[in-house]
């Protein structure tokens, strides 16, 4: 049976080839024979604890298998918009790290596209192994392959230096993050 990925794994492979930040001493996540494997999110990752991993980052609510499947299909049908990558522990059959790149089509910059990195999370039992950095750096490389004119993210003040270490900078005169949160009605 074919694996149902959120996006074509060849796109991630192109980003892997373009990623100039890979270090020889870092944990390998690109070799199919390794314990850890970086790949696109797939339709069966609910069963590998993907939503539970996200719950270590933020409130997810009681997401069911059906809700996950429906959202996965909507994202997949919006080809060229959603790029979620995961690090799978192939021995434990679980997801240990993840991050997302969402592409916004624009009329500015010659009808270019902007990338937004979000939902960077590493399982609490796997932190300190550079998975977060690997995920972010691969998303940066992916945004280059997809020809984004810029990428941005929001983060907690305590994470600013970590993101600075990968090239992110506060834009002078435009470093404000503003939001309106809407309460979701309970069912």
Protein backbone atom coordinates (compact mmCIF):
# COMPACT_ATOMS: atom_id res chain seq x y z
CA UNK A 1 0.00 0.00 0.00
CA UNK A 2 1.31 3.45 -0.95
CA UNK A 3 2.00 5.97 1.79
CA UNK A 4 -0.32 8.99 1.70
CA UNK A 5 1.95 11.99 2.29
CA UNK A 6 0.73 15.56 2.75
CA UNK A 7 3.05 16.66 -0.05
CA UNK A 8 5.41 15.00 -2.49
CA UNK A 9 8.50 13.67 -0.65
CA UNK A 10 10.63 14.65 -3.67
CA UNK A 11 10.05 18.29 -2.72
CA UNK A 12 11.54 17.59 0.71
CA UNK A 13 14.40 15.68 -0.94
CA UNK A 14 15.17 18.78 -3.04
CA UNK A 15 15.22 20.85 0.17
CA UNK A 16 17.53 18.29 1.78
CA UNK A 17 19.93 18.61 -1.16
CA UNK A 18 19.75 22.42 -0.88
CA UNK A 19 20.22 22.50 2.91
CA UNK A 20 23.69 23.92 3.42
CA UNK A 21 23.43 23.81 7.22
CA UNK A 22 23.78 20.04 7.66
CA UNK A 23 26.75 19.27 9.86
CA UNK A 24 28.72 16.01 9.82
CA UNK A 25 28.36 15.65 13.60
CA UNK A 26 24.58 16.04 13.67
CA UNK A 27 22.15 13.18 14.04
CA UNK A 28 21.20 11.78 10.64
CA UNK A 29 17.53 11.94 9.74
CA UNK A 30 17.85 11.54 5.98
CA UNK A 31 19.20 8.03 5.60
CA UNK A 32 16.39 5.46 5.32
CA UNK A 33 18.33 3.03 7.50
CA UNK A 34 18.53 5.42 10.48
CA UNK A 35 16.49 5.24 13.66
CA UNK A 36 15.13 8.72 12.96
CA UNK A 37 13.66 9.74 9.61
CA UNK A 38 12.61 13.19 8.43
CA UNK A 39 9.65 13.09 6.07
CA UNK A 40 6.37 14.79 5.17
CA UNK A 41 3.40 14.25 7.48
CA UNK A 42 1.32 11.27 6.37
CA UNK A 43 -2.29 10.27 6.79
CA UNK A 44 -1.46 7.57 9.36
CA UNK A 45 0.55 9.81 11.71
CA UNK A 46 -2.42 10.25 14.02
CA UNK A 47 -1.65 6.70 15.15
CA UNK A 48 2.00 7.64 15.65
CA UNK A 49 1.11 10.31 18.20
CA UNK A 50 1.33 13.41 16.01
CA UNK A 51 -1.53 15.24 17.77
CA UNK A 52 -0.18 14.19 21.17
CA UNK A 53 3.15 15.73 20.18
CA UNK A 54 1.40 19.00 19.22
CA UNK A 55 -0.25 18.96 22.65
CA UNK A 56 3.24 19.45 24.12
CA UNK A 57 3.29 22.79 22.29
CA UNK A 58 -0.24 24.13 22.66
CA UNK A 59 -3.86 23.21 23.31
CA UNK A 60 -5.11 20.74 20.70
CA UNK A 61 -8.44 19.74 22.19
CA UNK A 62 -9.85 16.25 21.80
CA UNK A 63 -8.90 15.64 18.17
CA UNK A 64 -10.33 12.37 16.88
CA UNK A 65 -8.95 10.17 14.11
CA UNK A 66 -11.79 11.38 11.86
CA UNK A 67 -11.05 15.05 12.58
CA UNK A 68 -7.37 14.45 11.81
CA UNK A 69 -8.23 12.64 8.55
CA UNK A 70 -10.62 15.37 7.42
CA UNK A 71 -8.11 18.14 8.14
CA UNK A 72 -5.31 16.18 6.46
CA UNK A 73 -7.41 15.78 3.29
CA UNK A 74 -8.33 19.49 3.20
CA UNK A 75 -4.67 20.44 3.58
CA UNK A 76 -3.58 17.96 0.91
CA UNK A 77 -6.18 19.27 -1.56
CA UNK A 78 -4.70 22.76 -1.13
CA UNK A 79 -1.57 21.66 -2.94
CA UNK A 80 1.33 24.07 -2.62
CA UNK A 81 0.10 25.57 0.64
CA UNK A 82 0.82 23.22 3.55
CA UNK A 83 4.18 21.61 4.21
CA UNK A 84 4.32 19.78 7.53
CA UNK A 85 7.43 17.74 8.20
CA UNK A 86 7.99 15.25 10.98
CA UNK A 87 10.85 13.30 12.51
CA UNK A 88 9.74 9.71 13.00
CA UNK A 89 11.39 7.34 15.45
CA UNK A 90 11.24 4.26 13.21
CA UNK A 91 12.05 1.88 16.07
CA UNK A 92 9.34 3.20 18.41
CA UNK A 93 6.93 4.01 15.52
CA UNK A 94 6.19 7.50 16.82
CA UNK A 95 6.62 11.13 15.82
CA UNK A 96 9.24 12.92 17.94
CA UNK A 97 9.49 16.32 16.22
CA UNK A 98 7.56 18.43 13.77
CA UNK A 99 7.26 21.81 12.12
CA UNK A 100 5.13 23.43 9.46
CA UNK A 101 5.65 25.81 6.58
CA UNK A 102 2.54 27.49 5.20
CA UNK A 103 2.81 29.27 1.87
CA UNK A 104 0.85 32.48 1.26
CA UNK A 105 0.35 33.49 -2.37
CA UNK A 106 0.72 37.27 -2.82
CA UNK A 107 0.10 39.95 -5.41
CA UNK A 108 3.12 41.87 -4.15
CA UNK A 109 6.71 40.97 -5.05
CA UNK A 110 5.71 40.04 -8.61
CA UNK A 111 2.96 37.72 -7.35
CA UNK A 112 5.47 36.01 -5.13
CA UNK A 113 4.90 33.85 -2.11
CA UNK A 114 5.76 34.19 1.53
CA UNK A 115 6.40 31.34 3.94
CA UNK A 116 5.32 31.17 7.58
CA UNK A 117 7.01 28.71 9.91
CA UNK A 118 4.86 27.49 12.80
CA UNK A 119 4.28 24.68 15.26
CA UNK A 120 7.91 23.73 15.91
CA UNK A 121 7.82 21.06 18.58
CA UNK A 122 10.11 18.31 19.86
CA UNK A 123 8.96 15.56 22.18
CA UNK A 124 10.05 16.37 25.74
CA UNK A 125 11.94 13.04 25.90
CA UNK A 126 13.97 13.91 22.78
CA UNK A 127 14.99 17.50 23.40
CA UNK A 128 18.67 18.41 23.24
CA UNK A 129 19.33 16.19 20.20
CA UNK A 130 19.06 19.09 17.69
CA UNK A 131 15.76 17.87 16.20
CA UNK A 132 14.23 21.33 16.48
CA UNK A 133 17.14 22.94 14.68
CA UNK A 134 17.10 20.25 11.98
CA UNK A 135 13.37 20.78 11.41
CA UNK A 136 13.63 24.58 11.22
CA UNK A 137 16.68 24.49 8.95
CA UNK A 138 14.96 22.05 6.62
CA UNK A 139 11.87 24.27 6.50
CA UNK A 140 14.12 27.21 5.61
CA UNK A 141 15.67 25.14 2.81
CA UNK A 142 12.18 24.07 1.70
CA UNK A 143 11.08 27.71 1.50
CA UNK A 144 14.07 28.43 -0.74
CA UNK A 145 13.21 25.51 -3.04
CA UNK A 146 9.62 26.80 -3.19
CA UNK A 147 10.92 30.30 -4.13
CA UNK A 148 9.52 32.23 -1.17
CA UNK A 149 10.65 35.85 -1.15
CA UNK A 150 10.72 35.73 2.67
CA UNK A 151 9.79 33.55 5.61
CA UNK A 152 8.62 34.66 9.03
CA UNK A 153 7.59 33.22 12.35
CA UNK A 154 6.35 34.28 15.75
CA UNK A 155 8.00 32.95 18.89
CA UNK A 156 8.21 33.47 22.61
CA UNK A 157 10.76 36.00 23.82
CA UNK A 158 12.72 33.14 25.37
CA UNK A 159 13.22 31.57 21.90
CA UNK A 160 14.41 34.68 20.04
CA UNK A 161 18.13 33.90 20.40
CA UNK A 162 17.57 30.31 19.27
CA UNK A 163 15.87 31.50 16.07
CA UNK A 164 18.52 34.24 15.63
CA UNK A 165 21.13 31.45 15.54
CA UNK A 166 19.46 30.20 12.33
CA UNK A 167 19.33 33.57 10.61
CA UNK A 168 16.01 35.02 11.75
CA UNK A 169 16.14 38.67 12.75
CA UNK A 170 13.65 41.16 14.11
CA UNK A 171 12.71 43.57 11.36
CA UNK A 172 13.64 47.12 12.44
CA UNK A 173 10.52 49.19 13.00
CA UNK A 174 8.29 46.17 12.44
CA UNK A 175 8.89 43.76 15.32
CA UNK A 176 5.38 43.82 16.72
CA UNK A 177 3.15 40.80 16.88
CA UNK A 178 -0.52 41.54 17.33
CA UNK A 179 -3.49 39.22 17.45
CA UNK A 180 -7.14 38.79 18.25
CA UNK A 181 -8.01 35.39 19.72
CA UNK A 182 -11.51 34.05 19.26
CA UNK A 183 -12.95 31.55 21.67
CA UNK A 184 -14.07 28.43 19.88
CA UNK A 185 -17.62 27.46 20.83
CA UNK A 186 -17.83 24.21 22.75
CA UNK A 187 -19.89 21.44 21.23
